[in-house]
C-alpha atoms as a PDB file:
ATOM      1  CA  MET A   1      86.546  99.325 112.296  1.00  0.00           C
ATOM      2  CA  ALA A   2      87.004 100.548 108.728  1.00  0.00           C
ATOM      3  CA  ASP A   3      88.075  98.794 105.539  1.00  0.00           C
ATOM      4  CA  ALA A   4      88.633  99.464 101.830  1.00  0.00           C
ATOM      5  CA  ASP A   5      84.880  99.301 101.124  1.00  0.00           C
ATOM      6  CA  ASP A   6      84.340 102.137 103.614  1.00  0.00           C
ATOM      7  CA  VAL A   7      87.038 104.219 101.914  1.00  0.00           C
ATOM      8  CA  ARG A   8      85.390 103.640  98.545  1.00  0.00           C
ATOM      9  CA  ARG A   9      81.895 104.498  99.796  1.00  0.00           C
ATOM     10  CA  LEU A  10      83.033 107.671 101.577  1.00  0.00           C
ATOM     11  CA  ALA A  11      85.253 108.912  98.753  1.00  0.00           C
ATOM     12  CA  LEU A  12      82.655 108.323  96.045  1.00  0.00           C
ATOM     13  CA  ALA A  13      80.037 110.217  98.080  1.00  0.00           C
ATOM     14  CA  LEU A  14      82.077 113.412  97.654  1.00  0.00           C
ATOM     15  CA  PRO A  15      81.490 115.686  94.649  1.00  0.00           C
ATOM     16  CA  HIS A  16      83.515 115.276  91.442  1.00  0.00           C
ATOM     17  CA  VAL A  17      85.486 112.269  92.671  1.00  0.00           C
ATOM     18  CA  VAL A  18      86.929 109.844  90.135  1.00  0.00           C
ATOM     19  CA  GLU A  19      88.232 106.386  90.982  1.00  0.00           C
ATOM     20  CA  ASN A  20      91.294 105.396  88.965  1.00  0.00           C
ATOM     21  CA  ASP A  21      91.598 101.796  87.906  1.00  0.00           C
ATOM     22  CA  SER A  22      94.012 100.072  90.287  1.00  0.00           C
ATOM     23  CA  ASP A  23      94.607  96.856  92.194  1.00  0.00           C
ATOM     24  CA  GLY A  24      93.272  98.593  95.287  1.00  0.00           C
ATOM     25  CA  PHE A  25      91.619 101.988  95.517  1.00  0.00           C
ATOM     26  CA  ASP A  26      92.770 105.337  94.128  1.00  0.00           C
ATOM     27  CA  PHE A  27      90.560 108.430  94.362  1.00  0.00           C
ATOM     28  CA  ARG A  28      91.132 111.797  92.735  1.00  0.00           C
ATOM     29  CA  VAL A  29      89.418 115.148  92.497  1.00  0.00           C
ATOM     30  CA  GLY A  30      90.428 117.664  89.853  1.00  0.00           C
ATOM     31  CA  ASP A  31      93.193 115.233  88.740  1.00  0.00           C
ATOM     32  CA  LYS A  32      94.748 115.302  92.222  1.00  0.00           C
ATOM     33  CA  GLY A  33      94.949 112.236  94.448  1.00  0.00           C
ATOM     34  CA  PHE A  34      93.543 112.521  97.950  1.00  0.00           C
ATOM     35  CA  VAL A  35      93.290 108.903  99.172  1.00  0.00           C
ATOM     36  CA  TRP A  36      94.680 105.656  97.736  1.00  0.00           C
ATOM     37  CA  SER A  37      95.885 102.174  98.685  1.00  0.00           C
ATOM     38  CA  TYR A  38      99.388 101.956 100.087  1.00  0.00           C
ATOM     39  CA  PRO A  39     101.842 100.609  97.480  1.00  0.00           C
ATOM     40  CA  GLU A  40     104.227  98.830  99.840  1.00  0.00           C
ATOM     41  CA  ARG A  41     107.722  98.437  98.480  1.00  0.00           C
ATOM     42  CA  ARG A  42     110.208  95.918  99.814  1.00  0.00           C
ATOM     43  CA  ALA A  43     113.795  95.702  98.650  1.00  0.00           C
ATOM     44  CA  GLY A  44     114.200  93.106  95.928  1.00  0.00           C
ATOM     45  CA  LYS A  45     110.490  92.206  95.833  1.00  0.00           C
ATOM     46  CA  PRO A  46     107.567  93.365  93.707  1.00  0.00           C
ATOM     47  CA  ARG A  47     105.373  96.162  95.022  1.00  0.00           C
ATOM     48  CA  VAL A  48     102.319  94.984  97.002  1.00  0.00           C
ATOM     49  CA  ILE A  49      99.124  97.049  97.018  1.00  0.00           C
ATOM     50  CA  ARG A  50      97.880  97.138 100.626  1.00  0.00           C
ATOM     51  CA  THR A  51      94.134  97.798 100.777  1.00  0.00           C
ATOM     52  CA  ASP A  52      94.247  97.611 104.575  1.00  0.00           C
ATOM     53  CA  ILE A  53      96.301 100.842 104.598  1.00  0.00           C
ATOM     54  CA  ALA A  54      95.166 104.136 103.104  1.00  0.00           C
ATOM     55  CA  VAL A  55      97.516 106.910 102.014  1.00  0.00           C
ATOM     56  CA  LEU A  56      95.941 110.273 102.808  1.00  0.00           C
ATOM     57  CA  TYR A  57      96.839 113.752 101.648  1.00  0.00           C
ATOM     58  CA  VAL A  58      97.179 115.961 104.747  1.00  0.00           C
ATOM     59  CA  GLY A  59      98.214 119.317 103.314  1.00  0.00           C
ATOM     60  CA  ASP A  60     101.481 120.125 105.025  1.00  0.00           C
ATOM     61  CA  GLU A  61     104.311 118.874 107.220  1.00  0.00           C
ATOM     62  CA  ALA A  62     102.843 120.367 110.409  1.00  0.00           C
ATOM     63  CA  GLU A  63      99.595 118.436 110.016  1.00  0.00           C
ATOM     64  CA  LYS A  64     101.512 115.299 109.100  1.00  0.00           C
ATOM     65  CA  GLN A  65     103.646 115.512 112.233  1.00  0.00           C
ATOM     66  CA  ALA A  66     100.620 116.264 114.435  1.00  0.00           C
ATOM     67  CA  LEU A  67      98.896 113.094 113.229  1.00  0.00           C
ATOM     68  CA  LEU A  68     102.019 110.928 113.445  1.00  0.00           C
ATOM     69  CA  LEU A  69     102.912 112.098 116.947  1.00  0.00           C
ATOM     70  CA  GLY A  70      99.371 112.401 118.273  1.00  0.00           C
ATOM     71  CA  GLU A  71      97.998 109.062 117.087  1.00  0.00           C
ATOM     72  CA  PRO A  72     100.839 106.661 116.286  1.00  0.00           C
ATOM     73  CA  GLU A  73      98.475 103.697 116.620  1.00  0.00           C
ATOM     74  CA  LEU A  74      96.577 104.970 113.549  1.00  0.00           C
ATOM     75  CA  PHE A  75      99.149 106.811 111.438  1.00  0.00           C
ATOM     76  CA  PHE A  76     102.637 106.068 110.176  1.00  0.00           C
ATOM     77  CA  THR A  77     104.994 107.028 107.376  1.00  0.00           C
ATOM     78  CA  THR A  78     107.964 105.613 105.486  1.00  0.00           C
ATOM     79  CA  ARG A  79     111.121 107.079 103.996  1.00  0.00           C
ATOM     80  CA  ALA A  80     109.482 107.152 100.577  1.00  0.00           C
ATOM     81  CA  TYR A  81     107.038 109.727 101.940  1.00  0.00           C
ATOM     82  CA  ASP A  82     109.589 111.950 103.688  1.00  0.00           C
ATOM     83  CA  GLU A  83     108.870 115.616 103.011  1.00  0.00           C
ATOM     84  CA  LEU A  84     105.563 114.792 101.302  1.00  0.00           C
ATOM     85  CA  PRO A  85     102.245 115.862 102.895  1.00  0.00           C
ATOM     86  CA  LEU A  86     101.034 112.259 103.134  1.00  0.00           C
ATOM     87  CA  VAL A  87     100.392 109.792 105.938  1.00  0.00           C
ATOM     88  CA  MET A  88      99.459 106.141 105.991  1.00  0.00           C
ATOM     89  CA  LEU A  89      96.384 105.117 107.965  1.00  0.00           C
ATOM     90  CA  ARG A  90      95.807 101.643 109.421  1.00  0.00           C
ATOM     91  CA  LEU A  91      92.173 101.112 108.429  1.00  0.00           C
ATOM     92  CA  ALA A  92      91.517  98.317 110.925  1.00  0.00           C
ATOM     93  CA  ARG A  93      92.265 100.723 113.775  1.00  0.00           C
ATOM     94  CA  VAL A  94      90.055 103.652 112.754  1.00  0.00           C
ATOM     95  CA  ASP A  95      86.290 103.932 113.111  1.00  0.00           C
ATOM     96  CA  VAL A  96      84.170 104.885 110.127  1.00  0.00           C
ATOM     97  CA  ASP A  97      83.221 108.321 111.516  1.00  0.00           C
ATOM     98  CA  ARG A  98      86.877 109.297 111.896  1.00  0.00           C
ATOM     99  CA  LEU A  99      87.666 107.865 108.465  1.00  0.00           C
ATOM    100  CA  ASP A 100      84.888 110.002 107.006  1.00  0.00           C
ATOM    101  CA  GLU A 101      86.441 113.103 108.599  1.00  0.00           C
ATOM    102  CA  LEU A 102      89.910 112.247 107.274  1.00  0.00           C
ATOM    103  CA  VAL A 103      88.774 111.441 103.731  1.00  0.00           C
ATOM    104  CA  THR A 104      86.616 114.580 103.589  1.00  0.00           C
ATOM    105  CA  ASP A 105      89.476 116.760 104.858  1.00  0.00           C
ATOM    106  CA  ALA A 106      91.841 115.284 102.264  1.00  0.00           C
ATOM    107  CA  TRP A 107      89.242 115.914  99.539  1.00  0.00           C
ATOM    108  CA  ARG A 108      88.775 119.555 100.660  1.00  0.00           C
ATOM    109  CA  MET A 109      92.497 120.228 100.488  1.00  0.00           C
ATOM    110  CA  ARG A 110      92.799 118.791  96.970  1.00  0.00           C
ATOM    111  CA  ALA A 111      89.551 119.910  95.323  1.00  0.00           C
ATOM    112  CA  PRO A 112      89.780 123.151  93.369  1.00  0.00           C
ATOM    113  CA  ASP A 113      87.574 125.927  94.770  1.00  0.00           C
ATOM    114  CA  SER A 114      85.462 125.792  91.610  1.00  0.00           C
ATOM    115  CA  LEU A 115      84.448 122.198  92.447  1.00  0.00           C
ATOM    116  CA  GLN A 116      83.567 122.707  96.109  1.00  0.00           C
END
């Protein structure tokens, strides 16, 4: 199964990717985030950066719902992400090949045409 090191390796293999300094991982292309560590928020407690969960850009609500409904063992969301084209991915439950597909798709949707 996958982990934060796999996310880092796959994201950095893509063209024009920059890793922002963070307590976990945070990857951008053309100043737009496409995959990062989940900043879990709990009422009355400090935010915790979860490197076992990746937040992925998915493009639109239809794709988000397809992933959430089709593979609930892998994907989830929270109220903070309502109406945003983002899903959370449980890294321990996804294989590296599928993670590669997801990270690459997120990169493609965020990278400007001039960088692809």
